[in-house]
C-alpha atoms as a PDB file:
ATOM      1  CA  MET A   1      77.295  32.708   9.503  1.00  0.00           C
ATOM      2  CA  LEU A   2      76.310  31.396   6.042  1.00  0.00           C
ATOM      3  CA  TYR A   3      75.458  34.919   4.942  1.00  0.00           C
ATOM      4  CA  ASP A   4      78.884  36.140   6.046  1.00  0.00           C
ATOM      5  CA  MET A   5      80.583  33.293   4.180  1.00  0.00           C
ATOM      6  CA  THR A   6      78.795  34.045   0.918  1.00  0.00           C
ATOM      7  CA  VAL A   7      77.182  37.396   0.187  1.00  0.00           C
ATOM      8  CA  PRO A   8      80.013  39.787   1.157  1.00  0.00           C
ATOM      9  CA  ALA A   9      82.623  37.589  -0.539  1.00  0.00           C
ATOM     10  CA  TYR A  10      80.550  37.331  -3.706  1.00  0.00           C
ATOM     11  CA  VAL A  11      79.953  41.081  -3.759  1.00  0.00           C
ATOM     12  CA  ASN A  12      83.716  41.677  -3.458  1.00  0.00           C
ATOM     13  CA  GLY A  13      84.463  39.185  -6.220  1.00  0.00           C
ATOM     14  CA  LEU A  14      81.808  40.486  -8.594  1.00  0.00           C
ATOM     15  CA  ASN A  15      82.884  44.101  -8.099  1.00  0.00           C
ATOM     16  CA  ALA A  16      86.480  43.100  -8.826  1.00  0.00           C
ATOM     17  CA  LEU A  17      85.356  41.199 -11.922  1.00  0.00           C
ATOM     18  CA  SER A  18      83.430  44.227 -13.165  1.00  0.00           C
ATOM     19  CA  ALA A  19      86.526  46.409 -12.777  1.00  0.00           C
ATOM     20  CA  GLN A  20      88.639  43.777 -14.560  1.00  0.00           C
ATOM     21  CA  LEU A  21      86.228  43.863 -17.504  1.00  0.00           C
ATOM     22  CA  ASP A  22      86.460  47.657 -17.651  1.00  0.00           C
ATOM     23  CA  LYS A  23      90.245  47.414 -17.682  1.00  0.00           C
ATOM     24  CA  ALA A  24      90.150  44.678 -20.340  1.00  0.00           C
ATOM     25  CA  LEU A  25      87.873  46.690 -22.597  1.00  0.00           C
ATOM     26  CA  ALA A  26      90.125  49.764 -22.363  1.00  0.00           C
ATOM     27  CA  TRP A  27      93.254  47.667 -22.877  1.00  0.00           C
ATOM     28  CA  GLY A  28      91.669  45.921 -25.861  1.00  0.00           C
ATOM     29  CA  ALA A  29      90.789  49.245 -27.491  1.00  0.00           C
ATOM     30  CA  ASP A  30      94.379  50.454 -27.033  1.00  0.00           C
ATOM     31  CA  ASN A  31      95.909  47.202 -28.307  1.00  0.00           C
ATOM     32  CA  GLY A  32      93.681  46.161 -31.184  1.00  0.00           C
ATOM     33  CA  VAL A  33      91.980  43.320 -29.312  1.00  0.00           C
ATOM     34  CA  GLY A  34      88.239  43.464 -29.829  1.00  0.00           C
ATOM     35  CA  GLU A  35      85.461  42.531 -27.454  1.00  0.00           C
ATOM     36  CA  GLN A  36      84.549  39.468 -29.484  1.00  0.00           C
ATOM     37  CA  GLN A  37      88.093  38.160 -29.366  1.00  0.00           C
ATOM     38  CA  LEU A  38      88.098  38.503 -25.582  1.00  0.00           C
ATOM     39  CA  LEU A  39      84.594  37.052 -25.173  1.00  0.00           C
ATOM     40  CA  VAL A  40      85.464  33.803 -26.970  1.00  0.00           C
ATOM     41  CA  SER A  41      88.912  33.406 -25.404  1.00  0.00           C
ATOM     42  CA  ARG A  42      89.535  30.378 -23.219  1.00  0.00           C
ATOM     43  CA  LEU A  43      92.421  28.836 -21.341  1.00  0.00           C
ATOM     44  CA  ALA A  44      92.133  25.386 -22.919  1.00  0.00           C
ATOM     45  CA  PRO A  45      90.067  23.903 -25.741  1.00  0.00           C
ATOM     46  CA  ASP A  46      87.844  21.970 -23.330  1.00  0.00           C
ATOM     47  CA  MET A  47      87.175  24.963 -21.042  1.00  0.00           C
ATOM     48  CA  PHE A  48      84.384  27.499 -21.368  1.00  0.00           C
ATOM     49  CA  PRO A  49      85.172  30.930 -22.861  1.00  0.00           C
ATOM     50  CA  LEU A  50      85.302  34.198 -20.934  1.00  0.00           C
ATOM     51  CA  SER A  51      81.641  35.033 -21.538  1.00  0.00           C
ATOM     52  CA  ALA A  52      80.547  31.721 -19.995  1.00  0.00           C
ATOM     53  CA  GLN A  53      82.980  32.035 -17.087  1.00  0.00           C
ATOM     54  CA  ILE A  54      81.436  35.382 -16.197  1.00  0.00           C
ATOM     55  CA  ARG A  55      77.897  33.993 -16.489  1.00  0.00           C
ATOM     56  CA  PHE A  56      78.871  31.042 -14.312  1.00  0.00           C
ATOM     57  CA  THR A  57      80.447  33.381 -11.753  1.00  0.00           C
ATOM     58  CA  CYS A  58      77.173  35.302 -11.542  1.00  0.00           C
ATOM     59  CA  MET A  59      75.162  32.082 -11.310  1.00  0.00           C
ATOM     60  CA  GLN A  60      77.410  30.722  -8.581  1.00  0.00           C
ATOM     61  CA  ALA A  61      77.016  33.983  -6.650  1.00  0.00           C
ATOM     62  CA  VAL A  62      73.227  33.633  -6.435  1.00  0.00           C
ATOM     63  CA  GLN A  63      72.787  29.859  -6.416  1.00  0.00           C
ATOM     64  CA  PRO A  64      73.817  29.237  -2.786  1.00  0.00           C
ATOM     65  CA  ALA A  65      71.226  31.649  -1.436  1.00  0.00           C
ATOM     66  CA  THR A  66      68.515  30.193  -3.670  1.00  0.00           C
ATOM     67  CA  ARG A  67      69.361  26.645  -2.588  1.00  0.00           C
ATOM     68  CA  LEU A  68      69.124  27.833   0.993  1.00  0.00           C
ATOM     69  CA  GLY A  69      65.670  29.364   0.532  1.00  0.00           C
ATOM     70  CA  VAL A  70      66.076  32.921  -0.758  1.00  0.00           C
ATOM     71  CA  PRO A  71      63.572  33.440  -3.608  1.00  0.00           C
ATOM     72  CA  GLY A  72      63.647  35.543  -6.757  1.00  0.00           C
ATOM     73  CA  ALA A  73      67.133  35.006  -8.162  1.00  0.00           C
ATOM     74  CA  PRO A  74      67.812  36.494 -11.579  1.00  0.00           C
ATOM     75  CA  SER A  75      68.551  34.272 -14.539  1.00  0.00           C
ATOM     76  CA  PHE A  76      71.573  34.822 -16.728  1.00  0.00           C
ATOM     77  CA  ALA A  77      71.309  34.429 -20.497  1.00  0.00           C
ATOM     78  CA  ASP A  78      73.941  32.336 -22.225  1.00  0.00           C
ATOM     79  CA  ASP A  79      73.956  34.464 -25.370  1.00  0.00           C
ATOM     80  CA  VAL A  80      75.539  37.690 -24.118  1.00  0.00           C
ATOM     81  CA  ALA A  81      77.331  39.210 -27.075  1.00  0.00           C
ATOM     82  CA  ASP A  82      79.291  42.108 -25.588  1.00  0.00           C
ATOM     83  CA  PHE A  83      80.912  43.498 -22.465  1.00  0.00           C
ATOM     84  CA  ALA A  84      77.853  45.644 -21.736  1.00  0.00           C
ATOM     85  CA  GLY A  85      75.802  42.458 -21.462  1.00  0.00           C
ATOM     86  CA  LEU A  86      78.382  40.888 -19.142  1.00  0.00           C
ATOM     87  CA  GLN A  87      78.377  44.001 -16.979  1.00  0.00           C
ATOM     88  CA  ALA A  88      74.568  43.837 -16.874  1.00  0.00           C
ATOM     89  CA  GLN A  89      74.744  40.253 -15.608  1.00  0.00           C
ATOM     90  CA  ILE A  90      77.175  41.288 -12.890  1.00  0.00           C
ATOM     91  CA  ALA A  91      74.963  44.246 -11.972  1.00  0.00           C
ATOM     92  CA  ASP A  92      71.896  41.973 -11.764  1.00  0.00           C
ATOM     93  CA  ALA A  93      73.733  39.558  -9.481  1.00  0.00           C
ATOM     94  CA  LEU A  94      74.969  42.398  -7.268  1.00  0.00           C
ATOM     95  CA  ALA A  95      71.509  43.975  -7.048  1.00  0.00           C
ATOM     96  CA  TRP A  96      69.965  40.640  -6.084  1.00  0.00           C
ATOM     97  CA  LEU A  97      72.660  39.921  -3.483  1.00  0.00           C
ATOM     98  CA  ASP A  98      71.984  43.337  -1.973  1.00  0.00           C
ATOM     99  CA  GLY A  99      68.458  42.176  -1.136  1.00  0.00           C
ATOM    100  CA  VAL A 100      69.314  38.758   0.300  1.00  0.00           C
ATOM    101  CA  ASP A 101      67.563  38.261   3.634  1.00  0.00           C
ATOM    102  CA  ARG A 102      70.264  37.325   6.153  1.00  0.00           C
ATOM    103  CA  PRO A 103      67.908  35.410   8.500  1.00  0.00           C
ATOM    104  CA  VAL A 104      66.708  33.180   5.655  1.00  0.00           C
ATOM    105  CA  LEU A 105      70.249  32.339   4.632  1.00  0.00           C
ATOM    106  CA  ASP A 106      71.427  31.837   8.213  1.00  0.00           C
ATOM    107  CA  ALA A 107      68.324  29.923   9.368  1.00  0.00           C
ATOM    108  CA  ASP A 108      69.954  26.570  10.120  1.00  0.00           C
ATOM    109  CA  PRO A 109      73.513  25.661   9.086  1.00  0.00           C
ATOM    110  CA  GLU A 110      72.728  21.975   9.710  1.00  0.00           C
ATOM    111  CA  ARG A 111      69.660  21.813   7.450  1.00  0.00           C
ATOM    112  CA  ALA A 112      69.790  19.329   4.608  1.00  0.00           C
ATOM    113  CA  VAL A 113      70.810  20.478   1.153  1.00  0.00           C
ATOM    114  CA  SER A 114      70.552  18.102  -1.774  1.00  0.00           C
ATOM    115  CA  PHE A 115      71.268  18.746  -5.425  1.00  0.00           C
ATOM    116  CA  ASP A 116      71.778  16.827  -8.637  1.00  0.00           C
ATOM    117  CA  LEU A 117      74.206  17.527 -11.436  1.00  0.00           C
ATOM    118  CA  PRO A 118      73.294  17.074 -15.101  1.00  0.00           C
ATOM    119  CA  ASN A 119      75.601  14.038 -15.296  1.00  0.00           C
ATOM    120  CA  GLY A 120      73.455  12.169 -12.759  1.00  0.00           C
ATOM    121  CA  MET A 121      75.601  12.708  -9.670  1.00  0.00           C
ATOM    122  CA  ALA A 122      73.592  13.589  -6.551  1.00  0.00           C
ATOM    123  CA  PHE A 123      74.864  15.205  -3.364  1.00  0.00           C
ATOM    124  CA  ASP A 124      73.459  15.320   0.172  1.00  0.00           C
ATOM    125  CA  MET A 125      75.072  17.821   2.523  1.00  0.00           C
ATOM    126  CA  THR A 126      74.295  20.221   5.326  1.00  0.00           C
ATOM    127  CA  ALA A 127      73.887  23.901   4.484  1.00  0.00           C
ATOM    128  CA  LEU A 128      77.264  24.602   6.052  1.00  0.00           C
ATOM    129  CA  THR A 129      79.124  21.879   4.166  1.00  0.00           C
ATOM    130  CA  TYR A 130      77.339  22.894   0.968  1.00  0.00           C
ATOM    131  CA  VAL A 131      78.551  26.494   1.292  1.00  0.00           C
ATOM    132  CA  ARG A 132      82.058  25.551   2.400  1.00  0.00           C
ATOM    133  CA  ASP A 133      82.733  22.567   0.144  1.00  0.00           C
ATOM    134  CA  TRP A 134      80.681  23.300  -2.975  1.00  0.00           C
ATOM    135  CA  ALA A 135      79.411  26.867  -3.280  1.00  0.00           C
ATOM    136  CA  GLN A 136      82.613  28.699  -2.389  1.00  0.00           C
ATOM    137  CA  PRO A 137      84.901  26.594  -4.613  1.00  0.00           C
ATOM    138  CA  GLN A 138      82.483  26.859  -7.552  1.00  0.00           C
ATOM    139  CA  PHE A 139      82.269  30.644  -7.313  1.00  0.00           C
ATOM    140  CA  TYR A 140      86.013  31.129  -7.033  1.00  0.00           C
ATOM    141  CA  PHE A 141      86.797  28.626  -9.779  1.00  0.00           C
ATOM    142  CA  HIS A 142      84.851  30.634 -12.352  1.00  0.00           C
ATOM    143  CA  LEU A 143      86.014  33.995 -10.968  1.00  0.00           C
ATOM    144  CA  VAL A 144      89.663  32.932 -11.252  1.00  0.00           C
ATOM    145  CA  ALA A 145      89.099  31.377 -14.681  1.00  0.00           C
ATOM    146  CA  ALA A 146      87.762  34.713 -15.979  1.00  0.00           C
ATOM    147  CA  TYR A 147      90.727  36.558 -14.463  1.00  0.00           C
ATOM    148  CA  ALA A 148      93.156  34.011 -15.933  1.00  0.00           C
ATOM    149  CA  ILE A 149      91.619  34.263 -19.408  1.00  0.00           C
ATOM    150  CA  LEU A 150      92.027  38.035 -19.357  1.00  0.00           C
ATOM    151  CA  ARG A 151      95.641  37.689 -18.193  1.00  0.00           C
ATOM    152  CA  HIS A 152      96.258  35.036 -20.842  1.00  0.00           C
ATOM    153  CA  MET A 153      95.016  37.463 -23.480  1.00  0.00           C
ATOM    154  CA  GLY A 154      97.490  40.101 -22.279  1.00  0.00           C
ATOM    155  CA  VAL A 155      95.293  42.341 -20.153  1.00  0.00           C
ATOM    156  CA  PRO A 156      97.642  43.881 -17.572  1.00  0.00           C
ATOM    157  CA  LEU A 157      95.888  42.647 -14.451  1.00  0.00           C
ATOM    158  CA  GLY A 158      97.608  41.914 -11.168  1.00  0.00           C
ATOM    159  CA  LYS A 159      96.703  40.812  -7.691  1.00  0.00           C
ATOM    160  CA  PRO A 160      95.375  44.296  -6.777  1.00  0.00           C
ATOM    161  CA  ASP A 161      92.813  43.852  -9.579  1.00  0.00           C
ATOM    162  CA  TYR A 162      91.689  40.581  -8.020  1.00  0.00           C
ATOM    163  CA  VAL A 163      91.645  41.597  -4.349  1.00  0.00           C
ATOM    164  CA  GLY A 164      91.541  45.382  -4.522  1.00  0.00           C
ATOM    165  CA  TYR A 165      88.840  45.424  -1.845  1.00  0.00           C
ATOM    166  CA  MET A 166      91.571  44.472   0.636  1.00  0.00           C
ATOM    167  CA  MET A 167      92.809  48.064   0.549  1.00  0.00           C
ATOM    168  CA  THR A 168      89.980  48.974   2.953  1.00  0.00           C
ATOM    169  CA  TYR A 169      91.792  46.855   5.562  1.00  0.00           C
ATOM    170  CA  LEU A 170      95.293  48.219   4.915  1.00  0.00           C
ATOM    171  CA  ARG A 171      96.975  49.468   8.065  1.00  0.00           C
ATOM    172  CA  PRO A 172      97.966  53.106   7.549  1.00  0.00           C
ATOM    173  CA  GLY A 173     101.604  53.631   6.729  1.00  0.00           C
ATOM    174  CA  THR A 174     102.248  50.072   5.520  1.00  0.00           C
ATOM    175  CA  ALA A 175     101.725  50.461   1.767  1.00  0.00           C
ATOM    176  CA  PRO A 176     104.886  50.180  -0.361  1.00  0.00           C
ATOM    177  CA  THR A 177     106.176  53.505  -1.624  1.00  0.00           C
ATOM    178  CA  ALA A 178     107.793  52.227  -4.805  1.00  0.00           C
END
């Protein structure tokens, strides 16, 4: 159950993010917006820039499994200087998720999970409440922030760029024709 709530969703999100970066890079080249301008863009002065949002998305994709006992997670450098480096982080996260051992992740949804934040706050939860109430919101927060930064910069992204994987579930004959 915990595997199904995390790994497939994170794989979908990371693949969508990778495609969004490809689209942003091509759009930037066509519109005179360089990689560096996109990398340092942010939605608000007190928010992290695009490069950090992507790193955090990758971190949040692997952190739940590591907190629940899956070893060997990659680390993600905070000094990525180009889109190739961001794509490498996404690829590392995807490769690691591909090897996550389902039985380890699913072992016991009621097992205790505790973690501390740098500001001194400490949380005690079950594995299930951790995934549902912390891990999922954290992953999607950073995924959406990256998407929103790219949109804010003018990259022509739409909902299909965010949830394009849904097309595998489309009932034949129901797609709009115009």
